[in-house]
Structures are given as C-alpha cells and as structure tokens.
Amino acid sequence: MAEQAVEEFTTESLVALLQELFAFPAEELVPTKTLDELGLDSLALMELGAVIEERTGVELATLVDGISRSVSLDHVARTIAGVLAR
C-alpha cells in the first residue's frame, strides 16, 4: 500500500494492510469482523498505527490508543479516514 490521498483510505485499504502485516487470509477480513475477533492486541494495533503513520505522513498515535478492539474493520477504516481528512 503506497502513500495515498487521505480520502482514499477505505476498508479495503485496511484489509490489504492487515493481510500484509499479519498474513490474514482474505476470507477472514470481512468489514463486520472486529479487531478482537481477529485476535489483534495492543501491540498489533501500535504496529498498524505506525505503518499507517509512515505511509500517510499523519500522526495517528492518539487514534490507535482510542480504538476499541470491539469495533468492526469498517468502523476502524472510517475512523482512520476521518482523522486523515483533518
């Protein structure tokens, strides 16, 4: 996933990143699945946030701290897109 315009960050972007970083099979990464259901812990969220920051140039540290593992991938992607759009 190359650096992208902020309005282009979608659930598909998040799914591709999760596949790249954690080798999840595509069929596991449905938009309604939660981070908790995927087994992502706080360290994994920190890694995810660091990669998103690196690729977008936008600091997301406070966002990652505030994301609950009980929300869906779709919700996470929309939240990230909202932060990137600021």
C-alpha atoms as a PDB file:
ATOM      1  CA  MET A   1       0.000   0.000   0.000  1.00  0.00           C
ATOM      2  CA  ALA A   2       1.745   3.141  -1.158  1.00  0.00           C
ATOM      3  CA  GLU A   3       1.165   6.556   0.347  1.00  0.00           C
ATOM      4  CA  GLN A   4      -2.357   7.536  -0.591  1.00  0.00           C
ATOM      5  CA  ALA A   5      -4.585  10.565  -0.531  1.00  0.00           C
ATOM      6  CA  VAL A   6      -6.483  10.716   2.727  1.00  0.00           C
ATOM      7  CA  GLU A   7      -9.904  10.350   1.149  1.00  0.00           C
ATOM      8  CA  GLU A   8      -8.788   7.068  -0.373  1.00  0.00           C
ATOM      9  CA  PHE A   9      -8.346   5.230   2.942  1.00  0.00           C
ATOM     10  CA  THR A  10     -11.107   2.626   2.922  1.00  0.00           C
ATOM     11  CA  THR A  11     -11.987  -0.686   4.490  1.00  0.00           C
ATOM     12  CA  GLU A  12     -10.225  -2.293   1.535  1.00  0.00           C
ATOM     13  CA  SER A  13      -7.082  -0.301   2.383  1.00  0.00           C
ATOM     14  CA  LEU A  14      -7.235  -1.550   5.962  1.00  0.00           C
ATOM     15  CA  VAL A  15      -7.838  -5.140   4.856  1.00  0.00           C
ATOM     16  CA  ALA A  16      -4.857  -5.010   2.482  1.00  0.00           C
ATOM     17  CA  LEU A  17      -2.660  -3.644   5.253  1.00  0.00           C
ATOM     18  CA  LEU A  18      -3.797  -6.322   7.717  1.00  0.00           C
ATOM     19  CA  GLN A  19      -3.035  -9.001   5.138  1.00  0.00           C
ATOM     20  CA  GLU A  20       0.393  -7.513   4.504  1.00  0.00           C
ATOM     21  CA  LEU A  21       1.356  -7.067   8.163  1.00  0.00           C
ATOM     22  CA  PHE A  22      -0.246 -10.104   9.779  1.00  0.00           C
ATOM     23  CA  ALA A  23      -0.829 -12.532   6.878  1.00  0.00           C
ATOM     24  CA  PHE A  24      -4.560 -12.899   7.481  1.00  0.00           C
ATOM     25  CA  PRO A  25      -6.411 -14.908   4.836  1.00  0.00           C
ATOM     26  CA  ALA A  26      -8.697 -12.646   2.793  1.00  0.00           C
ATOM     27  CA  GLU A  27     -11.823 -14.577   3.811  1.00  0.00           C
ATOM     28  CA  GLU A  28     -11.221 -13.695   7.480  1.00  0.00           C
ATOM     29  CA  LEU A  29     -11.134  -9.958   6.819  1.00  0.00           C
ATOM     30  CA  VAL A  30     -14.781  -9.073   6.314  1.00  0.00           C
ATOM     31  CA  PRO A  31     -15.879  -5.489   7.103  1.00  0.00           C
ATOM     32  CA  THR A  32     -18.026  -6.587  10.074  1.00  0.00           C
ATOM     33  CA  LYS A  33     -15.228  -8.520  11.807  1.00  0.00           C
ATOM     34  CA  THR A  34     -13.803  -6.854  14.906  1.00  0.00           C
ATOM     35  CA  LEU A  35     -10.169  -6.385  15.831  1.00  0.00           C
ATOM     36  CA  ASP A  36     -10.792  -8.585  18.856  1.00  0.00           C
ATOM     37  CA  GLU A  37     -12.239 -11.368  16.694  1.00  0.00           C
ATOM     38  CA  LEU A  38      -9.045 -11.202  14.655  1.00  0.00           C
ATOM     39  CA  GLY A  39      -7.001 -11.541  17.843  1.00  0.00           C
ATOM     40  CA  LEU A  40      -5.220  -8.206  17.438  1.00  0.00           C
ATOM     41  CA  ASP A  41      -3.766  -6.999  20.713  1.00  0.00           C
ATOM     42  CA  SER A  42      -2.490  -3.559  21.688  1.00  0.00           C
ATOM     43  CA  LEU A  43       0.971  -4.288  20.273  1.00  0.00           C
ATOM     44  CA  ALA A  44      -0.534  -5.212  16.906  1.00  0.00           C
ATOM     45  CA  LEU A  45      -2.595  -2.012  16.965  1.00  0.00           C
ATOM     46  CA  MET A  46       0.545   0.001  17.689  1.00  0.00           C
ATOM     47  CA  GLU A  47       2.305  -1.644  14.741  1.00  0.00           C
ATOM     48  CA  LEU A  48      -0.689  -0.986  12.497  1.00  0.00           C
ATOM     49  CA  GLY A  49      -0.790   2.653  13.571  1.00  0.00           C
ATOM     50  CA  ALA A  50       2.937   3.096  12.992  1.00  0.00           C
ATOM     51  CA  VAL A  51       2.678   1.739   9.454  1.00  0.00           C
ATOM     52  CA  ILE A  52      -0.323   3.929   8.658  1.00  0.00           C
ATOM     53  CA  GLU A  53       1.557   6.963  10.020  1.00  0.00           C
ATOM     54  CA  GLU A  54       4.604   6.096   7.938  1.00  0.00           C
ATOM     55  CA  ARG A  55       2.605   5.674   4.756  1.00  0.00           C
ATOM     56  CA  THR A  56       0.270   8.650   5.130  1.00  0.00           C
ATOM     57  CA  GLY A  57       2.501  11.110   6.973  1.00  0.00           C
ATOM     58  CA  VAL A  58      -0.265  11.755   9.522  1.00  0.00           C
ATOM     59  CA  GLU A  59       0.276  11.044  13.221  1.00  0.00           C
ATOM     60  CA  LEU A  60      -2.294   8.541  14.469  1.00  0.00           C
ATOM     61  CA  ALA A  61      -0.901   7.662  17.908  1.00  0.00           C
ATOM     62  CA  THR A  62      -3.848   9.088  19.826  1.00  0.00           C
ATOM     63  CA  LEU A  63      -6.289   7.428  17.448  1.00  0.00           C
ATOM     64  CA  VAL A  64      -4.775   3.977  17.919  1.00  0.00           C
ATOM     65  CA  ASP A  65      -4.899   4.423  21.692  1.00  0.00           C
ATOM     66  CA  GLY A  66      -8.585   5.280  21.418  1.00  0.00           C
ATOM     67  CA  ILE A  67      -9.718   2.499  19.084  1.00  0.00           C
ATOM     68  CA  SER A  68     -11.577  -0.252  20.849  1.00  0.00           C
ATOM     69  CA  ARG A  69     -10.831  -3.784  19.728  1.00  0.00           C
ATOM     70  CA  SER A  70     -14.584  -4.435  19.794  1.00  0.00           C
ATOM     71  CA  VAL A  71     -15.333  -2.283  16.729  1.00  0.00           C
ATOM     72  CA  SER A  72     -15.608  -3.548  13.158  1.00  0.00           C
ATOM     73  CA  LEU A  73     -12.937  -3.176  10.489  1.00  0.00           C
ATOM     74  CA  ASP A  74     -15.324  -0.905   8.609  1.00  0.00           C
ATOM     75  CA  HIS A  75     -15.645   1.355  11.665  1.00  0.00           C
ATOM     76  CA  VAL A  76     -11.861   1.431  12.148  1.00  0.00           C
ATOM     77  CA  ALA A  77     -11.309   2.368   8.494  1.00  0.00           C
ATOM     78  CA  ARG A  78     -13.908   5.150   8.636  1.00  0.00           C
ATOM     79  CA  THR A  79     -12.350   6.479  11.849  1.00  0.00           C
ATOM     80  CA  ILE A  80      -8.872   6.496  10.315  1.00  0.00           C
ATOM     81  CA  ALA A  81     -10.165   8.161   7.138  1.00  0.00           C
ATOM     82  CA  GLY A  82     -11.801  10.834   9.297  1.00  0.00           C
ATOM     83  CA  VAL A  83      -8.565  11.548  11.166  1.00  0.00           C
ATOM     84  CA  LEU A  84      -6.585  11.643   7.931  1.00  0.00           C
ATOM     85  CA  ALA A  85      -9.065  14.097   6.424  1.00  0.00           C
ATOM     86  CA  ARG A  86      -8.495  16.701   9.161  1.00  0.00           C
END
